[in-house]
N, C-alpha and C. Protein backbone atom coordinates (compact mmCIF):
# COMPACT_ATOMS: atom_id res chain seq x y z
N MET A 1 21.46 -47.04 -49.23
CA MET A 1 22.72 -46.39 -48.96
C MET A 1 23.85 -47.34 -49.33
N PRO A 2 24.79 -46.93 -50.18
CA PRO A 2 25.87 -47.83 -50.57
C PRO A 2 26.81 -48.08 -49.39
N MET A 3 27.33 -49.32 -49.33
CA MET A 3 28.23 -49.68 -48.25
C MET A 3 29.65 -49.21 -48.59
N PRO A 4 30.36 -48.61 -47.61
CA PRO A 4 31.73 -48.19 -47.90
C PRO A 4 32.65 -49.40 -47.99
N VAL A 5 33.59 -49.33 -48.89
CA VAL A 5 34.56 -50.40 -49.05
C VAL A 5 35.83 -49.95 -48.34
N PRO A 6 36.35 -50.76 -47.39
CA PRO A 6 37.55 -50.36 -46.68
C PRO A 6 38.73 -50.21 -47.64
N ALA A 7 39.60 -49.28 -47.31
CA ALA A 7 40.78 -49.06 -48.14
C ALA A 7 41.70 -50.27 -48.04
N HIS A 8 42.46 -50.52 -49.11
CA HIS A 8 43.38 -51.65 -49.14
C HIS A 8 44.52 -51.36 -48.16
N ARG A 9 44.78 -52.29 -47.25
CA ARG A 9 45.74 -52.05 -46.20
C ARG A 9 47.01 -52.86 -46.36
N SER A 10 47.33 -53.33 -47.55
CA SER A 10 48.53 -54.14 -47.69
C SER A 10 49.79 -53.31 -47.45
N SER A 11 49.69 -51.99 -47.58
CA SER A 11 50.85 -51.14 -47.33
C SER A 11 51.23 -51.15 -45.86
N LEU A 12 50.32 -51.58 -44.98
CA LEU A 12 50.64 -51.66 -43.56
C LEU A 12 51.56 -52.84 -43.29
N HIS A 13 51.50 -53.86 -44.14
CA HIS A 13 52.28 -55.07 -43.90
C HIS A 13 53.68 -54.98 -44.48
N SER A 14 53.86 -54.31 -45.60
CA SER A 14 55.18 -54.22 -46.21
C SER A 14 55.29 -52.90 -46.97
N PRO A 15 56.50 -52.34 -47.00
CA PRO A 15 56.68 -51.09 -47.75
C PRO A 15 56.41 -51.31 -49.22
N PRO A 16 56.00 -50.27 -49.94
CA PRO A 16 55.64 -50.45 -51.35
C PRO A 16 56.81 -50.86 -52.23
N HIS A 17 58.05 -50.56 -51.84
CA HIS A 17 59.19 -50.89 -52.69
C HIS A 17 59.72 -52.29 -52.45
N THR A 18 59.14 -53.04 -51.52
CA THR A 18 59.64 -54.37 -51.18
C THR A 18 59.55 -55.32 -52.37
N HIS A 19 58.45 -55.26 -53.10
CA HIS A 19 58.28 -56.17 -54.23
C HIS A 19 59.35 -55.93 -55.29
N SER A 20 59.65 -54.68 -55.61
CA SER A 20 60.67 -54.40 -56.62
C SER A 20 62.05 -54.77 -56.11
N LEU A 21 62.30 -54.60 -54.81
CA LEU A 21 63.58 -54.97 -54.23
C LEU A 21 63.78 -56.48 -54.33
N ILE A 22 62.73 -57.23 -54.03
CA ILE A 22 62.82 -58.69 -54.11
C ILE A 22 63.06 -59.13 -55.55
N GLN A 23 62.38 -58.47 -56.49
CA GLN A 23 62.57 -58.84 -57.89
C GLN A 23 64.00 -58.54 -58.35
N SER A 24 64.57 -57.40 -57.93
CA SER A 24 65.93 -57.08 -58.34
C SER A 24 66.93 -58.05 -57.72
N LEU A 25 66.69 -58.45 -56.45
CA LEU A 25 67.57 -59.43 -55.82
C LEU A 25 67.48 -60.77 -56.55
N ALA A 26 66.26 -61.15 -56.90
CA ALA A 26 66.09 -62.42 -57.61
C ALA A 26 66.79 -62.37 -58.97
N ALA A 27 66.69 -61.25 -59.66
CA ALA A 27 67.36 -61.12 -60.96
C ALA A 27 68.87 -61.19 -60.80
N ASN A 28 69.39 -60.55 -59.74
CA ASN A 28 70.83 -60.56 -59.49
C ASN A 28 71.30 -61.97 -59.19
N VAL A 29 70.57 -62.69 -58.34
CA VAL A 29 70.94 -64.06 -58.01
C VAL A 29 70.83 -64.92 -59.25
N HIS A 30 69.76 -64.73 -60.03
CA HIS A 30 69.58 -65.53 -61.25
C HIS A 30 70.73 -65.27 -62.24
N GLN A 31 71.17 -64.03 -62.33
CA GLN A 31 72.26 -63.68 -63.23
C GLN A 31 73.54 -64.39 -62.79
N ARG A 32 73.79 -64.40 -61.50
CA ARG A 32 75.00 -65.05 -61.00
C ARG A 32 74.92 -66.56 -61.14
N VAL A 33 73.74 -67.13 -60.88
CA VAL A 33 73.58 -68.57 -60.98
C VAL A 33 73.65 -69.01 -62.43
N GLY A 34 73.06 -68.21 -63.33
CA GLY A 34 73.01 -68.59 -64.73
C GLY A 34 74.29 -68.29 -65.50
N SER A 35 75.26 -67.59 -64.90
CA SER A 35 76.47 -67.24 -65.64
C SER A 35 77.33 -68.48 -65.84
N ALA A 36 78.22 -68.42 -66.83
CA ALA A 36 79.07 -69.55 -67.16
C ALA A 36 80.13 -69.76 -66.08
N GLU A 37 80.64 -68.67 -65.50
CA GLU A 37 81.65 -68.79 -64.46
C GLU A 37 80.99 -68.79 -63.09
N PRO A 38 81.46 -69.60 -62.18
CA PRO A 38 80.89 -69.60 -60.84
C PRO A 38 81.23 -68.30 -60.10
N TYR A 39 80.41 -67.96 -59.16
CA TYR A 39 80.60 -66.72 -58.41
C TYR A 39 81.76 -66.87 -57.45
N ASP A 40 82.67 -65.89 -57.46
CA ASP A 40 83.79 -65.85 -56.53
C ASP A 40 83.84 -64.46 -55.94
N PRO A 41 83.60 -64.31 -54.62
CA PRO A 41 83.56 -62.97 -54.03
C PRO A 41 84.90 -62.26 -54.03
N TYR A 42 85.99 -62.99 -54.25
CA TYR A 42 87.32 -62.37 -54.22
C TYR A 42 87.78 -61.88 -55.59
N ILE A 43 87.01 -62.21 -56.63
CA ILE A 43 87.34 -61.73 -57.97
C ILE A 43 86.38 -60.60 -58.29
N PRO A 44 86.91 -59.41 -58.67
CA PRO A 44 86.02 -58.29 -59.00
C PRO A 44 85.08 -58.67 -60.13
N ALA A 45 83.87 -58.12 -60.11
CA ALA A 45 82.86 -58.42 -61.11
C ALA A 45 83.34 -58.00 -62.48
N GLY A 46 83.13 -58.85 -63.48
CA GLY A 46 83.45 -58.54 -64.86
C GLY A 46 84.89 -58.78 -65.24
N SER A 47 85.74 -59.22 -64.30
CA SER A 47 87.14 -59.41 -64.64
C SER A 47 87.45 -60.82 -65.09
N GLY A 48 86.47 -61.70 -65.03
CA GLY A 48 86.69 -63.09 -65.43
C GLY A 48 87.51 -63.80 -64.38
N SER A 49 88.49 -64.58 -64.82
CA SER A 49 89.33 -65.28 -63.84
C SER A 49 90.59 -64.46 -63.63
N ALA A 50 90.98 -64.34 -62.38
CA ALA A 50 92.16 -63.57 -62.02
C ALA A 50 93.27 -64.53 -61.66
N PRO A 51 94.53 -64.13 -61.86
CA PRO A 51 95.61 -65.02 -61.47
C PRO A 51 95.66 -65.16 -59.96
N ALA A 52 96.09 -66.32 -59.50
CA ALA A 52 96.12 -66.58 -58.07
C ALA A 52 97.17 -65.71 -57.41
N ALA A 53 96.81 -65.10 -56.30
CA ALA A 53 97.75 -64.29 -55.54
C ALA A 53 98.64 -65.22 -54.75
N GLY A 54 99.89 -64.83 -54.54
CA GLY A 54 100.78 -65.69 -53.76
C GLY A 54 101.90 -66.24 -54.60
N GLY A 55 102.05 -65.80 -55.84
CA GLY A 55 103.20 -66.18 -56.65
C GLY A 55 103.07 -67.54 -57.27
N SER A 56 104.20 -68.14 -57.63
CA SER A 56 104.20 -69.41 -58.33
C SER A 56 104.33 -70.59 -57.41
N SER A 57 104.34 -70.35 -56.10
CA SER A 57 104.48 -71.47 -55.18
C SER A 57 103.21 -72.28 -55.08
N GLY A 58 102.06 -71.77 -55.54
CA GLY A 58 100.83 -72.55 -55.54
C GLY A 58 100.05 -72.33 -54.27
N ASN A 59 99.84 -73.39 -53.49
CA ASN A 59 98.95 -73.31 -52.37
C ASN A 59 99.63 -72.88 -51.09
N GLY A 60 100.88 -73.02 -50.92
CA GLY A 60 101.59 -72.57 -49.74
C GLY A 60 101.40 -73.48 -48.55
N ALA A 61 100.53 -74.43 -48.59
CA ALA A 61 100.29 -75.32 -47.47
C ALA A 61 100.92 -76.68 -47.70
N GLY A 62 101.55 -76.87 -48.82
CA GLY A 62 102.20 -78.13 -49.12
C GLY A 62 101.24 -79.18 -49.63
N GLN A 63 100.03 -78.80 -50.03
CA GLN A 63 99.07 -79.77 -50.54
C GLN A 63 99.26 -79.91 -52.05
N PRO A 64 98.99 -81.07 -52.57
CA PRO A 64 99.06 -81.24 -54.02
C PRO A 64 98.02 -80.37 -54.71
N ARG A 65 98.27 -80.00 -55.94
CA ARG A 65 97.40 -79.11 -56.71
C ARG A 65 95.99 -79.70 -56.87
N GLY A 66 95.88 -81.00 -57.03
CA GLY A 66 94.59 -81.66 -57.22
C GLY A 66 93.69 -81.56 -55.99
N GLN A 67 94.31 -81.70 -54.81
CA GLN A 67 93.54 -81.60 -53.57
C GLN A 67 93.00 -80.19 -53.37
N GLN A 68 93.85 -79.21 -53.66
CA GLN A 68 93.42 -77.82 -53.49
C GLN A 68 92.28 -77.49 -54.46
N SER A 69 92.40 -77.91 -55.71
CA SER A 69 91.34 -77.62 -56.67
C SER A 69 90.05 -78.36 -56.30
N LYS A 70 90.16 -79.55 -55.68
CA LYS A 70 88.97 -80.27 -55.22
C LYS A 70 88.30 -79.51 -54.08
N LYS A 71 89.11 -78.97 -53.16
CA LYS A 71 88.54 -78.20 -52.06
C LYS A 71 87.86 -76.94 -52.60
N ILE A 72 88.51 -76.30 -53.56
CA ILE A 72 87.92 -75.10 -54.16
C ILE A 72 86.62 -75.46 -54.86
N ALA A 73 86.62 -76.57 -55.56
CA ALA A 73 85.41 -77.00 -56.26
C ALA A 73 84.29 -77.31 -55.25
N ASP A 74 84.65 -77.95 -54.12
CA ASP A 74 83.66 -78.24 -53.08
C ASP A 74 83.08 -76.95 -52.49
N ILE A 75 83.97 -76.01 -52.21
CA ILE A 75 83.51 -74.73 -51.66
C ILE A 75 82.63 -74.01 -52.67
N GLN A 76 83.06 -74.04 -53.94
CA GLN A 76 82.26 -73.39 -54.98
C GLN A 76 80.90 -74.05 -55.11
N GLU A 77 80.85 -75.37 -54.97
CA GLU A 77 79.59 -76.10 -55.03
C GLU A 77 78.68 -75.68 -53.87
N GLN A 78 79.27 -75.51 -52.69
CA GLN A 78 78.49 -75.06 -51.53
C GLN A 78 77.94 -73.65 -51.77
N ILE A 79 78.79 -72.79 -52.35
CA ILE A 79 78.35 -71.41 -52.64
C ILE A 79 77.21 -71.44 -53.65
N ASP A 80 77.36 -72.23 -54.70
CA ASP A 80 76.30 -72.32 -55.71
C ASP A 80 75.02 -72.87 -55.10
N SER A 81 75.16 -73.87 -54.23
CA SER A 81 73.99 -74.43 -53.56
C SER A 81 73.30 -73.37 -52.70
N THR A 82 74.11 -72.60 -51.97
CA THR A 82 73.55 -71.53 -51.13
C THR A 82 72.85 -70.48 -51.97
N VAL A 83 73.46 -70.12 -53.10
CA VAL A 83 72.84 -69.13 -53.99
C VAL A 83 71.51 -69.67 -54.53
N ASN A 84 71.48 -70.95 -54.88
CA ASN A 84 70.22 -71.54 -55.36
C ASN A 84 69.15 -71.51 -54.27
N VAL A 85 69.55 -71.83 -53.04
CA VAL A 85 68.60 -71.80 -51.93
C VAL A 85 68.09 -70.38 -51.72
N MET A 86 68.99 -69.40 -51.79
CA MET A 86 68.59 -68.00 -51.63
C MET A 86 67.61 -67.60 -52.73
N HIS A 87 67.88 -68.03 -53.96
CA HIS A 87 66.99 -67.72 -55.07
C HIS A 87 65.60 -68.29 -54.83
N GLU A 88 65.54 -69.55 -54.37
CA GLU A 88 64.25 -70.17 -54.07
C GLU A 88 63.54 -69.44 -52.94
N ASN A 89 64.31 -69.04 -51.91
CA ASN A 89 63.71 -68.32 -50.78
C ASN A 89 63.13 -66.98 -51.23
N ILE A 90 63.83 -66.29 -52.09
CA ILE A 90 63.34 -65.00 -52.58
C ILE A 90 62.06 -65.21 -53.38
N GLN A 91 62.02 -66.25 -54.20
CA GLN A 91 60.80 -66.55 -54.95
C GLN A 91 59.65 -66.88 -54.01
N ARG A 92 59.93 -67.63 -52.97
CA ARG A 92 58.88 -67.98 -52.01
C ARG A 92 58.36 -66.73 -51.29
N VAL A 93 59.27 -65.82 -50.94
CA VAL A 93 58.85 -64.58 -50.27
C VAL A 93 57.95 -63.77 -51.20
N ALA A 94 58.32 -63.69 -52.48
CA ALA A 94 57.49 -62.95 -53.44
C ALA A 94 56.11 -63.61 -53.58
N GLU A 95 56.08 -64.94 -53.67
CA GLU A 95 54.80 -65.65 -53.77
C GLU A 95 53.98 -65.46 -52.50
N ARG A 96 54.66 -65.46 -51.36
CA ARG A 96 53.94 -65.27 -50.08
C ARG A 96 53.33 -63.87 -50.05
N GLY A 97 54.06 -62.88 -50.54
CA GLY A 97 53.52 -61.52 -50.58
C GLY A 97 52.27 -61.44 -51.45
N GLU A 98 52.31 -62.15 -52.58
CA GLU A 98 51.14 -62.16 -53.46
C GLU A 98 49.95 -62.84 -52.77
N ARG A 99 50.24 -63.94 -52.07
CA ARG A 99 49.16 -64.64 -51.36
C ARG A 99 48.61 -63.77 -50.23
N LEU A 100 49.48 -63.03 -49.55
CA LEU A 100 49.01 -62.14 -48.49
C LEU A 100 48.12 -61.03 -49.06
N ASP A 101 48.50 -60.50 -50.23
CA ASP A 101 47.65 -59.48 -50.86
C ASP A 101 46.28 -60.05 -51.21
N ALA A 102 46.26 -61.26 -51.76
CA ALA A 102 44.98 -61.89 -52.10
C ALA A 102 44.15 -62.15 -50.85
N LEU A 103 44.81 -62.59 -49.79
CA LEU A 103 44.11 -62.83 -48.53
C LEU A 103 43.56 -61.53 -47.95
N GLN A 104 44.32 -60.44 -48.07
CA GLN A 104 43.85 -59.14 -47.59
C GLN A 104 42.62 -58.69 -48.37
N ASP A 105 42.62 -58.90 -49.68
CA ASP A 105 41.45 -58.55 -50.49
C ASP A 105 40.22 -59.37 -50.07
N LYS A 106 40.43 -60.67 -49.85
CA LYS A 106 39.32 -61.51 -49.42
C LYS A 106 38.80 -61.07 -48.05
N THR A 107 39.70 -60.68 -47.17
CA THR A 107 39.31 -60.23 -45.84
C THR A 107 38.47 -58.96 -45.93
N ASP A 108 38.90 -58.03 -46.78
CA ASP A 108 38.14 -56.79 -46.95
C ASP A 108 36.75 -57.08 -47.50
N THR A 109 36.67 -57.97 -48.48
CA THR A 109 35.38 -58.33 -49.05
C THR A 109 34.48 -58.99 -48.01
N LEU A 110 35.06 -59.85 -47.20
CA LEU A 110 34.30 -60.52 -46.15
C LEU A 110 33.80 -59.51 -45.11
N ALA A 111 34.62 -58.51 -44.77
CA ALA A 111 34.20 -57.49 -43.81
C ALA A 111 33.01 -56.70 -44.35
N VAL A 112 33.04 -56.36 -45.64
CA VAL A 112 31.92 -55.63 -46.25
C VAL A 112 30.66 -56.51 -46.25
N SER A 113 30.84 -57.79 -46.58
CA SER A 113 29.69 -58.71 -46.58
C SER A 113 29.11 -58.87 -45.18
N ALA A 114 29.97 -58.95 -44.18
CA ALA A 114 29.50 -59.09 -42.80
C ALA A 114 28.72 -57.85 -42.36
N GLN A 115 29.18 -56.69 -42.79
CA GLN A 115 28.46 -55.46 -42.45
C GLN A 115 27.07 -55.46 -43.10
N GLY A 116 26.98 -55.88 -44.35
CA GLY A 116 25.69 -55.96 -45.04
C GLY A 116 24.78 -56.98 -44.37
N PHE A 117 25.34 -58.12 -43.96
CA PHE A 117 24.55 -59.13 -43.27
C PHE A 117 24.00 -58.58 -41.95
N ARG A 118 24.85 -57.87 -41.22
CA ARG A 118 24.42 -57.30 -39.93
C ARG A 118 23.26 -56.33 -40.13
N ARG A 119 23.36 -55.49 -41.15
CA ARG A 119 22.27 -54.53 -41.42
C ARG A 119 20.98 -55.26 -41.80
N GLY A 120 21.09 -56.27 -42.63
CA GLY A 120 19.91 -57.04 -43.03
C GLY A 120 19.29 -57.77 -41.84
N ALA A 121 20.13 -58.31 -40.97
CA ALA A 121 19.62 -59.01 -39.79
C ALA A 121 18.90 -58.04 -38.86
N ASN A 122 19.43 -56.84 -38.68
CA ASN A 122 18.75 -55.84 -37.84
C ASN A 122 17.41 -55.44 -38.44
N ARG A 123 17.36 -55.30 -39.76
CA ARG A 123 16.10 -54.94 -40.42
C ARG A 123 15.05 -56.03 -40.21
N VAL A 124 15.45 -57.28 -40.38
CA VAL A 124 14.51 -58.39 -40.18
C VAL A 124 14.07 -58.46 -38.71
N ARG A 125 15.01 -58.23 -37.79
CA ARG A 125 14.66 -58.26 -36.36
C ARG A 125 13.62 -57.21 -36.04
N LYS A 126 13.77 -55.99 -36.57
CA LYS A 126 12.79 -54.92 -36.33
C LYS A 126 11.44 -55.27 -36.95
N GLN A 127 11.44 -55.85 -38.16
CA GLN A 127 10.19 -56.24 -38.79
C GLN A 127 9.46 -57.29 -37.95
N MET A 128 10.20 -58.25 -37.45
CA MET A 128 9.58 -59.30 -36.63
C MET A 128 9.06 -58.72 -35.31
N TRP A 129 9.77 -57.76 -34.74
CA TRP A 129 9.31 -57.13 -33.50
C TRP A 129 7.98 -56.43 -33.72
N TRP A 130 7.87 -55.67 -34.83
CA TRP A 130 6.61 -54.98 -35.14
C TRP A 130 5.48 -55.99 -35.40
N LYS A 131 5.79 -57.06 -36.08
CA LYS A 131 4.78 -58.09 -36.35
C LYS A 131 4.28 -58.69 -35.03
N ASP A 132 5.20 -58.98 -34.13
CA ASP A 132 4.84 -59.51 -32.82
C ASP A 132 4.00 -58.50 -32.03
N MET A 133 4.38 -57.24 -32.07
CA MET A 133 3.64 -56.20 -31.37
C MET A 133 2.21 -56.08 -31.91
N LYS A 134 2.06 -56.12 -33.23
CA LYS A 134 0.72 -56.04 -33.84
C LYS A 134 -0.15 -57.21 -33.38
N MET A 135 0.45 -58.40 -33.33
CA MET A 135 -0.30 -59.58 -32.90
C MET A 135 -0.72 -59.43 -31.44
N ARG A 136 0.14 -58.93 -30.58
CA ARG A 136 -0.20 -58.74 -29.17
C ARG A 136 -1.33 -57.71 -29.02
N ILE A 137 -1.26 -56.65 -29.80
CA ILE A 137 -2.31 -55.62 -29.74
C ILE A 137 -3.64 -56.22 -30.20
N ILE A 138 -3.63 -56.99 -31.28
CA ILE A 138 -4.87 -57.61 -31.78
C ILE A 138 -5.44 -58.57 -30.73
N ILE A 139 -4.61 -59.38 -30.12
CA ILE A 139 -5.07 -60.31 -29.08
C ILE A 139 -5.62 -59.53 -27.89
N GLY A 140 -4.95 -58.44 -27.47
CA GLY A 140 -5.43 -57.62 -26.36
C GLY A 140 -6.78 -57.00 -26.65
N VAL A 141 -6.95 -56.47 -27.86
CA VAL A 141 -8.22 -55.87 -28.25
C VAL A 141 -9.30 -56.96 -28.30
N GLY A 142 -9.00 -58.11 -28.81
CA GLY A 142 -9.96 -59.22 -28.88
C GLY A 142 -10.42 -59.64 -27.49
N ILE A 143 -9.48 -59.75 -26.54
CA ILE A 143 -9.84 -60.12 -25.17
C ILE A 143 -10.71 -59.03 -24.54
N ALA A 144 -10.34 -57.76 -24.78
CA ALA A 144 -11.14 -56.64 -24.23
C ALA A 144 -12.56 -56.68 -24.78
N VAL A 145 -12.73 -56.91 -26.07
CA VAL A 145 -14.06 -56.98 -26.68
C VAL A 145 -14.84 -58.15 -26.10
N LEU A 146 -14.19 -59.29 -25.92
CA LEU A 146 -14.85 -60.46 -25.35
C LEU A 146 -15.31 -60.19 -23.92
N ILE A 147 -14.48 -59.54 -23.13
CA ILE A 147 -14.86 -59.20 -21.75
C ILE A 147 -16.03 -58.22 -21.76
N ILE A 148 -15.99 -57.25 -22.65
CA ILE A 148 -17.09 -56.28 -22.73
C ILE A 148 -18.39 -56.99 -23.11
N ILE A 149 -18.32 -57.93 -24.06
CA ILE A 149 -19.51 -58.65 -24.50
C ILE A 149 -20.08 -59.48 -23.33
N ILE A 150 -19.22 -60.04 -22.51
CA ILE A 150 -19.69 -60.87 -21.38
C ILE A 150 -20.17 -59.99 -20.22
N VAL A 151 -19.46 -58.94 -19.89
CA VAL A 151 -19.77 -58.13 -18.71
C VAL A 151 -20.97 -57.22 -18.92
N VAL A 152 -21.14 -56.63 -20.07
CA VAL A 152 -22.24 -55.68 -20.32
C VAL A 152 -23.62 -56.35 -20.09
N PRO A 153 -23.92 -57.54 -20.62
CA PRO A 153 -25.23 -58.13 -20.36
C PRO A 153 -25.43 -58.46 -18.86
N ILE A 154 -24.36 -58.82 -18.17
CA ILE A 154 -24.51 -59.17 -16.75
C ILE A 154 -24.81 -57.92 -15.94
N VAL A 155 -24.18 -56.82 -16.26
CA VAL A 155 -24.38 -55.56 -15.54
C VAL A 155 -25.80 -55.04 -15.81
N LYS A 156 -26.34 -55.15 -16.98
CA LYS A 156 -27.69 -54.69 -17.33
C LYS A 156 -28.74 -55.55 -16.64
N ALA A 157 -28.47 -56.75 -16.32
CA ALA A 157 -29.47 -57.64 -15.75
C ALA A 157 -29.59 -57.49 -14.30
């Protein structure tokens, strides 16, 4: 009798569209990281660089232009670093999903093997029980014959 193979249960762990969602997020992050201009959430996508709002007065806080551009560069560096970390995290999640799928397949295979082992062990146990029973019957018959051989001559005498 062929052994049934359990159905793949990876859909219980994550929705089927998760992998494509992760890939699209990774592509989006990669596109932003790989672009020539750094990502700025206040500039609409595709517009390039926009003129600074606030007129010609500059920063409005009385700071020199160099200090403000350094702060902007530092903030942009932090944003780029965060985007890189997010990209790595998304890749790790995708790799983890693949490893979980492989582990689920191995688990299913192991469950089928364990079921086959259990059936084989039960078959061997039954065979050994019958072998033991046959031996006990043979020994019982042998003892009965021996007793008959000893008792019959004594009773006749």
